[in-house]
Amino acid sequence: MHPSVRVLNARKPLIQFIGKRSWPSNPEQHAHPAAPEELKKSFGDFLKKFAASGPGVKDAKSGSGGSASKGSSGKEVFGEYWEAPLRFRRPRVREMEEAEMEAISSGGASLH
């Protein structure tokens, strides 16, 4: 009917926010509110262990800047999958035989 009146009477939300949005630069980590009490109590210990064993932790002995480190078992640990050598990232693909595909398609009935 009157488009200019509709534009002027545009929907105005009933909720009013005070001030500008501000996000903390370093948010405080905390346990989930629905977590059991024993987990909430030990969450600080968990964070300390997680920070000590997480990716990006550099040994004082090794001066390398890489994020791959030796774990307690002596195996190399990578923080992200793309930091691992290609042999760990490439899937092992093998060709399926016709009999194997038929067995899968028939639900195993073709094996008997």
PDB file of N, CA and C in Angstrom:
ATOM      1  N   MET A   1       0.826  -1.166   0.000  1.00  0.00           N
ATOM      2  CA  MET A   1       0.000   0.000   0.000  1.00  0.00           C
ATOM      3  C   MET A   1       0.880   1.242   0.000  1.00  0.00           C
ATOM      4  N   HIS A   2       1.496   1.564   1.096  1.00  0.00           N
ATOM      5  CA  HIS A   2       2.418   2.691   1.165  1.00  0.00           C
ATOM      6  C   HIS A   2       3.793   2.157   1.564  1.00  0.00           C
ATOM      7  N   PRO A   3       4.649   1.887   0.596  1.00  0.00           N
ATOM      8  CA  PRO A   3       5.936   1.283   0.917  1.00  0.00           C
ATOM      9  C   PRO A   3       6.803   2.140   1.837  1.00  0.00           C
ATOM     10  N   SER A   4       6.737   3.443   1.712  1.00  0.00           N
ATOM     11  CA  SER A   4       7.580   4.291   2.567  1.00  0.00           C
ATOM     12  C   SER A   4       7.152   4.204   4.025  1.00  0.00           C
ATOM     13  N   VAL A   5       5.863   4.024   4.279  1.00  0.00           N
ATOM     14  CA  VAL A   5       5.379   3.882   5.653  1.00  0.00           C
ATOM     15  C   VAL A   5       5.874   2.561   6.229  1.00  0.00           C
ATOM     16  N   ARG A   6       5.869   1.514   5.405  1.00  0.00           N
ATOM     17  CA  ARG A   6       6.369   0.218   5.864  1.00  0.00           C
ATOM     18  C   ARG A   6       7.852   0.296   6.221  1.00  0.00           C
ATOM     19  N   VAL A   7       8.611   1.009   5.442  1.00  0.00           N
ATOM     20  CA  VAL A   7      10.042   1.130   5.707  1.00  0.00           C
ATOM     21  C   VAL A   7      10.263   1.889   7.005  1.00  0.00           C
ATOM     22  N   LEU A   8       9.523   2.936   7.239  1.00  0.00           N
ATOM     23  CA  LEU A   8       9.686   3.721   8.465  1.00  0.00           C
ATOM     24  C   LEU A   8       9.251   2.941   9.700  1.00  0.00           C
ATOM     25  N   ASN A   9       8.270   2.096   9.551  1.00  0.00           N
ATOM     26  CA  ASN A   9       7.784   1.300  10.675  1.00  0.00           C
ATOM     27  C   ASN A   9       8.391  -0.102  10.643  1.00  0.00           C
ATOM     28  N   ALA A  10       9.637  -0.186  10.290  1.00  0.00           N
ATOM     29  CA  ALA A  10      10.315  -1.480  10.244  1.00  0.00           C
ATOM     30  C   ALA A  10      10.332  -2.083  11.639  1.00  0.00           C
ATOM     31  N   ARG A  11      10.399  -3.388  11.658  1.00  0.00           N
ATOM     32  CA  ARG A  11      10.374  -4.092  12.943  1.00  0.00           C
ATOM     33  C   ARG A  11      11.565  -3.689  13.789  1.00  0.00           C
ATOM     34  N   LYS A  12      11.288  -3.309  15.003  1.00  0.00           N
ATOM     35  CA  LYS A  12      12.333  -2.933  15.950  1.00  0.00           C
ATOM     36  C   LYS A  12      12.351  -4.001  17.040  1.00  0.00           C
ATOM     37  N   PRO A  13      13.501  -4.637  17.277  1.00  0.00           N
ATOM     38  CA  PRO A  13      13.548  -5.678  18.297  1.00  0.00           C
ATOM     39  C   PRO A  13      13.247  -5.118  19.681  1.00  0.00           C
ATOM     40  N   LEU A  14      12.597  -5.937  20.502  1.00  0.00           N
ATOM     41  CA  LEU A  14      12.241  -5.498  21.846  1.00  0.00           C
ATOM     42  C   LEU A  14      13.432  -5.538  22.798  1.00  0.00           C
ATOM     43  N   ILE A  15      14.440  -6.324  22.460  1.00  0.00           N
ATOM     44  CA  ILE A  15      15.592  -6.431  23.349  1.00  0.00           C
ATOM     45  C   ILE A  15      16.591  -5.323  23.001  1.00  0.00           C
ATOM     46  N   GLN A  16      17.151  -4.698  24.009  1.00  0.00           N
ATOM     47  CA  GLN A  16      18.120  -3.620  23.831  1.00  0.00           C
ATOM     48  C   GLN A  16      19.429  -4.020  24.499  1.00  0.00           C
ATOM     49  N   PHE A  17      20.523  -3.944  23.772  1.00  0.00           N
ATOM     50  CA  PHE A  17      21.830  -4.254  24.326  1.00  0.00           C
ATOM     51  C   PHE A  17      22.517  -2.963  24.734  1.00  0.00           C
ATOM     52  N   ILE A  18      23.188  -3.013  25.861  1.00  0.00           N
ATOM     53  CA  ILE A  18      23.887  -1.838  26.356  1.00  0.00           C
ATOM     54  C   ILE A  18      25.345  -1.931  25.927  1.00  0.00           C
ATOM     55  N   GLY A  19      25.829  -0.953  25.258  1.00  0.00           N
ATOM     56  CA  GLY A  19      27.237  -0.911  24.883  1.00  0.00           C
ATOM     57  C   GLY A  19      27.556  -1.765  23.674  1.00  0.00           C
ATOM     58  N   LYS A  20      28.819  -1.728  23.327  1.00  0.00           N
ATOM     59  CA  LYS A  20      29.310  -2.450  22.169  1.00  0.00           C
ATOM     60  C   LYS A  20      29.720  -3.862  22.573  1.00  0.00           C
ATOM     61  N   ARG A  21      29.637  -4.793  21.650  1.00  0.00           N
ATOM     62  CA  ARG A  21      30.078  -6.158  21.942  1.00  0.00           C
ATOM     63  C   ARG A  21      31.573  -6.149  22.225  1.00  0.00           C
ATOM     64  N   SER A  22      31.957  -6.861  23.243  1.00  0.00           N
ATOM     65  CA  SER A  22      33.383  -6.981  23.529  1.00  0.00           C
ATOM     66  C   SER A  22      33.674  -8.423  23.912  1.00  0.00           C
ATOM     67  N   TRP A  23      34.612  -9.002  23.204  1.00  0.00           N
ATOM     68  CA  TRP A  23      35.016 -10.370  23.454  1.00  0.00           C
ATOM     69  C   TRP A  23      36.337 -10.334  24.208  1.00  0.00           C
ATOM     70  N   PRO A  24      36.491 -11.186  25.206  1.00  0.00           N
ATOM     71  CA  PRO A  24      37.766 -11.198  25.932  1.00  0.00           C
ATOM     72  C   PRO A  24      38.897 -11.653  25.006  1.00  0.00           C
ATOM     73  N   SER A  25      40.056 -11.023  25.144  1.00  0.00           N
ATOM     74  CA  SER A  25      41.175 -11.373  24.272  1.00  0.00           C
ATOM     75  C   SER A  25      41.700 -12.772  24.584  1.00  0.00           C
ATOM     76  N   ASN A  26      41.620 -13.178  25.832  1.00  0.00           N
ATOM     77  CA  ASN A  26      42.052 -14.514  26.227  1.00  0.00           C
ATOM     78  C   ASN A  26      40.958 -15.106  27.118  1.00  0.00           C
ATOM     79  N   PRO A  27      39.981 -15.792  26.524  1.00  0.00           N
ATOM     80  CA  PRO A  27      38.864 -16.285  27.328  1.00  0.00           C
ATOM     81  C   PRO A  27      39.306 -17.321  28.358  1.00  0.00           C
ATOM     82  N   GLU A  28      38.685 -17.265  29.502  1.00  0.00           N
ATOM     83  CA  GLU A  28      39.003 -18.207  30.574  1.00  0.00           C
ATOM     84  C   GLU A  28      38.384 -19.561  30.245  1.00  0.00           C
ATOM     85  N   GLN A  29      39.183 -20.596  30.339  1.00  0.00           N
ATOM     86  CA  GLN A  29      38.688 -21.934  30.055  1.00  0.00           C
ATOM     87  C   GLN A  29      38.066 -22.508  31.317  1.00  0.00           C
ATOM     88  N   HIS A  30      36.932 -23.148  31.138  1.00  0.00           N
ATOM     89  CA  HIS A  30      36.234 -23.723  32.279  1.00  0.00           C
ATOM     90  C   HIS A  30      35.516 -24.990  31.832  1.00  0.00           C
ATOM     91  N   ALA A  31      35.161 -25.798  32.804  1.00  0.00           N
ATOM     92  CA  ALA A  31      34.445 -27.044  32.512  1.00  0.00           C
ATOM     93  C   ALA A  31      33.024 -26.721  32.062  1.00  0.00           C
ATOM     94  N   HIS A  32      32.428 -27.640  31.360  1.00  0.00           N
ATOM     95  CA  HIS A  32      31.049 -27.464  30.913  1.00  0.00           C
ATOM     96  C   HIS A  32      30.134 -27.375  32.130  1.00  0.00           C
ATOM     97  N   PRO A  33      29.142 -26.495  32.106  1.00  0.00           N
ATOM     98  CA  PRO A  33      28.258 -26.354  33.265  1.00  0.00           C
ATOM     99  C   PRO A  33      27.524 -27.634  33.649  1.00  0.00           C
ATOM    100  N   ALA A  34      27.264 -28.515  32.691  1.00  0.00           N
ATOM    101  CA  ALA A  34      26.544 -29.750  32.992  1.00  0.00           C
ATOM    102  C   ALA A  34      27.487 -30.904  33.340  1.00  0.00           C
ATOM    103  N   ALA A  35      28.775 -30.631  33.436  1.00  0.00           N
ATOM    104  CA  ALA A  35      29.739 -31.687  33.761  1.00  0.00           C
ATOM    105  C   ALA A  35      29.563 -32.124  35.209  1.00  0.00           C
ATOM    106  N   PRO A  36      29.902 -33.371  35.516  1.00  0.00           N
ATOM    107  CA  PRO A  36      29.823 -33.838  36.905  1.00  0.00           C
ATOM    108  C   PRO A  36      30.762 -33.033  37.806  1.00  0.00           C
ATOM    109  N   GLU A  37      30.426 -32.976  39.076  1.00  0.00           N
ATOM    110  CA  GLU A  37      31.190 -32.164  40.028  1.00  0.00           C
ATOM    111  C   GLU A  37      32.648 -32.599  40.126  1.00  0.00           C
ATOM    112  N   GLU A  38      32.911 -33.916  40.092  1.00  0.00           N
ATOM    113  CA  GLU A  38      34.304 -34.362  40.219  1.00  0.00           C
ATOM    114  C   GLU A  38      35.145 -33.910  39.029  1.00  0.00           C
ATOM    115  N   LEU A  39      34.526 -33.783  37.845  1.00  0.00           N
ATOM    116  CA  LEU A  39      35.262 -33.271  36.694  1.00  0.00           C
ATOM    117  C   LEU A  39      35.473 -31.766  36.799  1.00  0.00           C
ATOM    118  N   LYS A  40      34.492 -31.069  37.326  1.00  0.00           N
ATOM    119  CA  LYS A  40      34.646 -29.625  37.502  1.00  0.00           C
ATOM    120  C   LYS A  40      35.765 -29.311  38.486  1.00  0.00           C
ATOM    121  N   LYS A  41      35.884 -30.125  39.534  1.00  0.00           N
ATOM    122  CA  LYS A  41      36.916 -29.879  40.545  1.00  0.00           C
ATOM    123  C   LYS A  41      38.316 -30.138  39.997  1.00  0.00           C
ATOM    124  N   SER A  42      38.455 -31.139  39.143  1.00  0.00           N
ATOM    125  CA  SER A  42      39.781 -31.499  38.639  1.00  0.00           C
ATOM    126  C   SER A  42      40.074 -30.889  37.267  1.00  0.00           C
ATOM    127  N   PHE A  43      39.286 -29.923  36.839  1.00  0.00           N
ATOM    128  CA  PHE A  43      39.474 -29.335  35.513  1.00  0.00           C
ATOM    129  C   PHE A  43      40.792 -28.564  35.421  1.00  0.00           C
ATOM    130  N   GLY A  44      41.193 -27.908  36.488  1.00  0.00           N
ATOM    131  CA  GLY A  44      42.459 -27.180  36.492  1.00  0.00           C
ATOM    132  C   GLY A  44      43.643 -28.102  36.274  1.00  0.00           C
ATOM    133  N   ASP A  45      43.623 -29.263  36.924  1.00  0.00           N
ATOM    134  CA  ASP A  45      44.695 -30.241  36.735  1.00  0.00           C
ATOM    135  C   ASP A  45      44.721 -30.744  35.291  1.00  0.00           C
ATOM    136  N   PHE A  46      43.528 -30.960  34.736  1.00  0.00           N
ATOM    137  CA  PHE A  46      43.435 -31.408  33.350  1.00  0.00           C
ATOM    138  C   PHE A  46      44.057 -30.376  32.408  1.00  0.00           C
ATOM    139  N   LEU A  47      43.763 -29.101  32.631  1.00  0.00           N
ATOM    140  CA  LEU A  47      44.315 -28.059  31.770  1.00  0.00           C
ATOM    141  C   LEU A  47      45.837 -28.017  31.847  1.00  0.00           C
ATOM    142  N   LYS A  48      46.382 -28.204  33.049  1.00  0.00           N
ATOM    143  CA  LYS A  48      47.843 -28.195  33.200  1.00  0.00           C
ATOM    144  C   LYS A  48      48.464 -29.353  32.429  1.00  0.00           C
ATOM    145  N   LYS A  49      47.867 -30.550  32.537  1.00  0.00           N
ATOM    146  CA  LYS A  49      48.384 -31.714  31.819  1.00  0.00           C
ATOM    147  C   LYS A  49      48.241 -31.526  30.311  1.00  0.00           C
ATOM    148  N   PHE A  50      47.113 -30.977  29.898  1.00  0.00           N
ATOM    149  CA  PHE A  50      46.859 -30.771  28.476  1.00  0.00           C
ATOM    150  C   PHE A  50      47.840 -29.758  27.895  1.00  0.00           C
ATOM    151  N   ALA A  51      48.088 -28.681  28.616  1.00  0.00           N
ATOM    152  CA  ALA A  51      49.012 -27.660  28.131  1.00  0.00           C
ATOM    153  C   ALA A  51      50.436 -28.197  28.071  1.00  0.00           C
ATOM    154  N   ALA A  52      50.793 -29.065  29.004  1.00  0.00           N
ATOM    155  CA  ALA A  52      52.148 -29.607  29.030  1.00  0.00           C
ATOM    156  C   ALA A  52      52.385 -30.621  27.923  1.00  0.00           C
ATOM    157  N   SER A  53      51.340 -31.313  27.474  1.00  0.00           N
ATOM    158  CA  SER A  53      51.519 -32.353  26.470  1.00  0.00           C
ATOM    159  C   SER A  53      50.994 -31.958  25.108  1.00  0.00           C
ATOM    160  N   GLY A  54      50.469 -30.762  24.967  1.00  0.00           N
ATOM    161  CA  GLY A  54      49.848 -30.351  23.720  1.00  0.00           C
ATOM    162  C   GLY A  54      50.840 -30.035  22.628  1.00  0.00           C
ATOM    163  N   PRO A  55      50.322 -29.811  21.410  1.00  0.00           N
ATOM    164  CA  PRO A  55      51.200 -29.460  20.300  1.00  0.00           C
ATOM    165  C   PRO A  55      51.793 -28.074  20.520  1.00  0.00           C
ATOM    166  N   GLY A  56      52.971 -27.874  19.995  1.00  0.00           N
ATOM    167  CA  GLY A  56      53.625 -26.587  20.143  1.00  0.00           C
ATOM    168  C   GLY A  56      54.493 -26.507  21.377  1.00  0.00           C
ATOM    169  N   VAL A  57      54.494 -27.553  22.201  1.00  0.00           N
ATOM    170  CA  VAL A  57      55.347 -27.574  23.381  1.00  0.00           C
ATOM    171  C   VAL A  57      56.741 -27.948  22.911  1.00  0.00           C
ATOM    172  N   LYS A  58      57.709 -27.130  23.239  1.00  0.00           N
ATOM    173  CA  LYS A  58      59.070 -27.371  22.777  1.00  0.00           C
ATOM    174  C   LYS A  58      59.911 -27.857  23.934  1.00  0.00           C
ATOM    175  N   ASP A  59      60.701 -28.876  23.654  1.00  0.00           N
ATOM    176  CA  ASP A  59      61.627 -29.369  24.669  1.00  0.00           C
ATOM    177  C   ASP A  59      62.770 -28.385  24.822  1.00  0.00           C
ATOM    178  N   ALA A  60      63.275 -28.255  26.033  1.00  0.00           N
ATOM    179  CA  ALA A  60      64.413 -27.376  26.274  1.00  0.00           C
ATOM    180  C   ALA A  60      65.670 -27.960  25.650  1.00  0.00           C
ATOM    181  N   LYS A  61      65.738 -29.297  25.540  1.00  0.00           N
ATOM    182  CA  LYS A  61      66.918 -29.952  24.986  1.00  0.00           C
ATOM    183  C   LYS A  61      67.004 -29.761  23.480  1.00  0.00           C
ATOM    184  N   SER A  62      65.870 -29.888  22.796  1.00  0.00           N
ATOM    185  CA  SER A  62      65.898 -29.776  21.343  1.00  0.00           C
ATOM    186  C   SER A  62      65.615 -28.342  20.942  1.00  0.00           C
ATOM    187  N   GLY A  63      66.446 -27.813  20.105  1.00  0.00           N
ATOM    188  CA  GLY A  63      66.288 -26.426  19.691  1.00  0.00           C
ATOM    189  C   GLY A  63      65.465 -26.292  18.436  1.00  0.00           C
ATOM    190  N   SER A  64      64.878 -27.360  17.960  1.00  0.00           N
ATOM    191  CA  SER A  64      64.126 -27.289  16.719  1.00  0.00           C
ATOM    192  C   SER A  64      62.828 -26.534  16.928  1.00  0.00           C
ATOM    193  N   GLY A  65      62.415 -25.820  15.889  1.00  0.00           N
ATOM    194  CA  GLY A  65      61.195 -25.034  15.970  1.00  0.00           C
ATOM    195  C   GLY A  65      59.980 -25.806  15.520  1.00  0.00           C
ATOM    196  N   GLY A  66      60.145 -27.047  15.081  1.00  0.00           N
ATOM    197  CA  GLY A  66      59.016 -27.842  14.610  1.00  0.00           C
ATOM    198  C   GLY A  66      58.103 -28.226  15.745  1.00  0.00           C
ATOM    199  N   SER A  67      56.864 -28.521  15.392  1.00  0.00           N
ATOM    200  CA  SER A  67      55.921 -28.885  16.441  1.00  0.00           C
ATOM    201  C   SER A  67      55.834 -30.389  16.637  1.00  0.00           C
ATOM    202  N   ALA A  68      56.604 -31.154  15.885  1.00  0.00           N
ATOM    203  CA  ALA A  68      56.646 -32.592  16.110  1.00  0.00           C
ATOM    204  C   ALA A  68      57.608 -32.855  17.258  1.00  0.00           C
ATOM    205  N   SER A  69      57.187 -33.656  18.196  1.00  0.00           N
ATOM    206  CA  SER A  69      58.041 -33.926  19.349  1.00  0.00           C
ATOM    207  C   SER A  69      57.979 -35.405  19.675  1.00  0.00           C
ATOM    208  N   LYS A  70      58.943 -35.844  20.433  1.00  0.00           N
ATOM    209  CA  LYS A  70      58.958 -37.238  20.863  1.00  0.00           C
ATOM    210  C   LYS A  70      58.074 -37.376  22.089  1.00  0.00           C
ATOM    211  N   GLY A  71      57.164 -38.326  22.050  1.00  0.00           N
ATOM    212  CA  GLY A  71      56.289 -38.577  23.189  1.00  0.00           C
ATOM    213  C   GLY A  71      57.005 -39.392  24.242  1.00  0.00           C
ATOM    214  N   SER A  72      56.304 -39.717  25.317  1.00  0.00           N
ATOM    215  CA  SER A  72      56.910 -40.493  26.398  1.00  0.00           C
ATOM    216  C   SER A  72      57.248 -41.907  25.944  1.00  0.00           C
ATOM    217  N   SER A  73      56.574 -42.398  24.900  1.00  0.00           N
ATOM    218  CA  SER A  73      56.854 -43.744  24.407  1.00  0.00           C
ATOM    219  C   SER A  73      58.000 -43.754  23.402  1.00  0.00           C
ATOM    220  N   GLY A  74      58.553 -42.583  23.078  1.00  0.00           N
ATOM    221  CA  GLY A  74      59.653 -42.510  22.136  1.00  0.00           C
ATOM    222  C   GLY A  74      59.203 -42.346  20.699  1.00  0.00           C
ATOM    223  N   LYS A  75      57.904 -42.363  20.442  1.00  0.00           N
ATOM    224  CA  LYS A  75      57.394 -42.193  19.094  1.00  0.00           C
ATOM    225  C   LYS A  75      57.175 -40.712  18.828  1.00  0.00           C
ATOM    226  N   GLU A  76      57.301 -40.341  17.561  1.00  0.00           N
ATOM    227  CA  GLU A  76      57.130 -38.944  17.198  1.00  0.00           C
ATOM    228  C   GLU A  76      55.647 -38.586  17.221  1.00  0.00           C
ATOM    229  N   VAL A  77      55.323 -37.448  17.809  1.00  0.00           N
ATOM    230  CA  VAL A  77      53.942 -37.003  17.942  1.00  0.00           C
ATOM    231  C   VAL A  77      53.791 -35.717  17.146  1.00  0.00           C
ATOM    232  N   PHE A  78      52.753 -35.642  16.323  1.00  0.00           N
ATOM    233  CA  PHE A  78      52.506 -34.469  15.500  1.00  0.00           C
ATOM    234  C   PHE A  78      51.250 -33.771  15.993  1.00  0.00           C
ATOM    235  N   GLY A  79      51.304 -32.444  16.034  1.00  0.00           N
ATOM    236  CA  GLY A  79      50.164 -31.664  16.495  1.00  0.00           C
ATOM    237  C   GLY A  79      49.037 -31.648  15.480  1.00  0.00           C
ATOM    238  N   GLU A  80      49.364 -31.588  14.204  1.00  0.00           N
ATOM    239  CA  GLU A  80      48.369 -31.548  13.139  1.00  0.00           C
ATOM    240  C   GLU A  80      48.707 -32.632  12.125  1.00  0.00           C
ATOM    241  N   TYR A  81      47.700 -33.138  11.431  1.00  0.00           N
ATOM    242  CA  TYR A  81      47.931 -34.270  10.537  1.00  0.00           C
ATOM    243  C   TYR A  81      48.822 -33.895   9.359  1.00  0.00           C
ATOM    244  N   TRP A  82      48.782 -32.645   8.920  1.00  0.00           N
ATOM    245  CA  TRP A  82      49.580 -32.265   7.763  1.00  0.00           C
ATOM    246  C   TRP A  82      51.063 -32.107   8.101  1.00  0.00           C
ATOM    247  N   GLU A  83      51.414 -32.124   9.379  1.00  0.00           N
ATOM    248  CA  GLU A  83      52.814 -32.055   9.767  1.00  0.00           C
ATOM    249  C   GLU A  83      53.482 -33.431   9.695  1.00  0.00           C
ATOM    250  N   ALA A  84      52.689 -34.464   9.627  1.00  0.00           N
ATOM    251  CA  ALA A  84      53.223 -35.828   9.557  1.00  0.00           C
ATOM    252  C   ALA A  84      53.741 -36.101   8.146  1.00  0.00           C
ATOM    253  N   PRO A  85      54.675 -37.029   8.003  1.00  0.00           N
ATOM    254  CA  PRO A  85      55.163 -37.389   6.666  1.00  0.00           C
ATOM    255  C   PRO A  85      54.030 -37.945   5.801  1.00  0.00           C
ATOM    256  N   LEU A  86      54.242 -37.900   4.497  1.00  0.00           N
ATOM    257  CA  LEU A  86      53.200 -38.330   3.559  1.00  0.00           C
ATOM    258  C   LEU A  86      52.788 -39.779   3.753  1.00  0.00           C
ATOM    259  N   ARG A  87      53.692 -40.626   4.192  1.00  0.00           N
ATOM    260  CA  ARG A  87      53.341 -42.042   4.329  1.00  0.00           C
ATOM    261  C   ARG A  87      52.235 -42.258   5.358  1.00  0.00           C
ATOM    262  N   PHE A  88      52.066 -41.321   6.284  1.00  0.00           N
ATOM    263  CA  PHE A  88      50.997 -41.436   7.271  1.00  0.00           C
ATOM    264  C   PHE A  88      49.694 -40.820   6.782  1.00  0.00           C
ATOM    265  N   ARG A  89      49.782 -39.948   5.790  1.00  0.00           N
ATOM    266  CA  ARG A  89      48.589 -39.254   5.320  1.00  0.00           C
ATOM    267  C   ARG A  89      47.918 -39.942   4.150  1.00  0.00           C
ATOM    268  N   ARG A  90      48.665 -40.701   3.387  1.00  0.00           N
ATOM    269  CA  ARG A  90      48.086 -41.358   2.216  1.00  0.00           C
ATOM    270  C   ARG A  90      47.337 -42.614   2.639  1.00  0.00           C
ATOM    271  N   PRO A  91      46.090 -42.739   2.231  1.00  0.00           N
ATOM    272  CA  PRO A  91      45.364 -43.972   2.574  1.00  0.00           C
ATOM    273  C   PRO A  91      45.873 -45.138   1.730  1.00  0.00           C
ATOM    274  N   ARG A  92      45.824 -46.290   2.320  1.00  0.00           N
ATOM    275  CA  ARG A  92      46.221 -47.491   1.592  1.00  0.00           C
ATOM    276  C   ARG A  92      45.000 -47.993   0.834  1.00  0.00           C
ATOM    277  N   VAL A  93      45.048 -47.864  -0.457  1.00  0.00           N
ATOM    278  CA  VAL A  93      43.924 -48.257  -1.296  1.00  0.00           C
ATOM    279  C   VAL A  93      44.307 -49.538  -2.014  1.00  0.00           C
ATOM    280  N   ARG A  94      43.414 -50.490  -1.971  1.00  0.00           N
ATOM    281  CA  ARG A  94      43.656 -51.720  -2.713  1.00  0.00           C
ATOM    282  C   ARG A  94      42.448 -51.968  -3.599  1.00  0.00           C
ATOM    283  N   GLU A  95      42.692 -52.629  -4.676  1.00  0.00           N
ATOM    284  CA  GLU A  95      41.626 -52.928  -5.624  1.00  0.00           C
ATOM    285  C   GLU A  95      40.789 -54.089  -5.105  1.00  0.00           C
ATOM    286  N   MET A  96      39.470 -53.947  -5.243  1.00  0.00           N
ATOM    287  CA  MET A  96      38.575 -55.028  -4.836  1.00  0.00           C
ATOM    288  C   MET A  96      38.381 -55.972  -6.016  1.00  0.00           C
ATOM    289  N   GLU A  97      38.341 -57.236  -5.721  1.00  0.00           N
ATOM    290  CA  GLU A  97      38.102 -58.230  -6.763  1.00  0.00           C
ATOM    291  C   GLU A  97      36.605 -58.312  -7.026  1.00  0.00           C
ATOM    292  N   GLU A  98      36.270 -58.821  -8.191  1.00  0.00           N
ATOM    293  CA  GLU A  98      34.861 -58.941  -8.584  1.00  0.00           C
ATOM    294  C   GLU A  98      34.091 -59.843  -7.619  1.00  0.00           C
ATOM    295  N   ALA A  99      34.708 -60.927  -7.169  1.00  0.00           N
ATOM    296  CA  ALA A  99      34.042 -61.850  -6.244  1.00  0.00           C
ATOM    297  C   ALA A  99      33.770 -61.176  -4.901  1.00  0.00           C
ATOM    298  N   GLU A 100      34.694 -60.332  -4.473  1.00  0.00           N
ATOM    299  CA  GLU A 100      34.510 -59.632  -3.203  1.00  0.00           C
ATOM    300  C   GLU A 100      33.367 -58.621  -3.295  1.00  0.00           C
ATOM    301  N   MET A 101      33.286 -57.908  -4.434  1.00  0.00           N
ATOM    302  CA  MET A 101      32.185 -56.960  -4.623  1.00  0.00           C
ATOM    303  C   MET A 101      30.845 -57.682  -4.683  1.00  0.00           C
ATOM    304  N   GLU A 102      30.822 -58.832  -5.335  1.00  0.00           N
ATOM    305  CA  GLU A 102      29.588 -59.615  -5.427  1.00  0.00           C
ATOM    306  C   GLU A 102      29.166 -60.111  -4.053  1.00  0.00           C
ATOM    307  N   ALA A 103      30.127 -60.528  -3.233  1.00  0.00           N
ATOM    308  CA  ALA A 103      29.812 -61.002  -1.883  1.00  0.00           C
ATOM    309  C   ALA A 103      29.235 -59.871  -1.033  1.00  0.00           C
ATOM    310  N   ILE A 104      29.764 -58.675  -1.186  1.00  0.00           N
ATOM    311  CA  ILE A 104      29.250 -57.529  -0.433  1.00  0.00           C
ATOM    312  C   ILE A 104      27.860 -57.161  -0.918  1.00  0.00           C
ATOM    313  N   SER A 105      27.675 -57.131  -2.239  1.00  0.00           N
ATOM    314  CA  SER A 105      26.374 -56.760  -2.807  1.00  0.00           C
ATOM    315  C   SER A 105      25.276 -57.743  -2.431  1.00  0.00           C
ATOM    316  N   SER A 106      25.620 -59.022  -2.388  1.00  0.00           N
ATOM    317  CA  SER A 106      24.599 -60.029  -2.092  1.00  0.00           C
ATOM    318  C   SER A 106      24.456 -60.292  -0.599  1.00  0.00           C
ATOM    319  N   GLY A 107      25.228 -59.610   0.209  1.00  0.00           N
ATOM    320  CA  GLY A 107      25.133 -59.815   1.651  1.00  0.00           C
ATOM    321  C   GLY A 107      25.757 -61.125   2.097  1.00  0.00           C
ATOM    322  N   GLY A 108      26.642 -61.663   1.300  1.00  0.00           N
ATOM    323  CA  GLY A 108      27.321 -62.904   1.657  1.00  0.00           C
ATOM    324  C   GLY A 108      26.663 -64.141   1.085  1.00  0.00           C
ATOM    325  N   ALA A 109      25.534 -63.980   0.394  1.00  0.00           N
ATOM    326  CA  ALA A 109      24.821 -65.141  -0.146  1.00  0.00           C
ATOM    327  C   ALA A 109      25.586 -65.793  -1.293  1.00  0.00           C
ATOM    328  N   SER A 110      26.417 -65.030  -1.988  1.00  0.00           N
ATOM    329  CA  SER A 110      27.140 -65.600  -3.130  1.00  0.00           C
ATOM    330  C   SER A 110      28.343 -66.433  -2.699  1.00  0.00           C
ATOM    331  N   LEU A 111      28.668 -66.419  -1.422  1.00  0.00           N
ATOM    332  CA  LEU A 111      29.809 -67.196  -0.943  1.00  0.00           C
ATOM    333  C   LEU A 111      29.484 -68.674  -0.822  1.00  0.00           C
ATOM    334  N   HIS A 112      28.217 -69.024  -0.754  1.00  0.00           N
ATOM    335  CA  HIS A 112      27.829 -70.423  -0.527  1.00  0.00           C
ATOM    336  C   HIS A 112      27.389 -71.080  -1.794  1.00  0.00           C
TER     337      HIS A 112
END
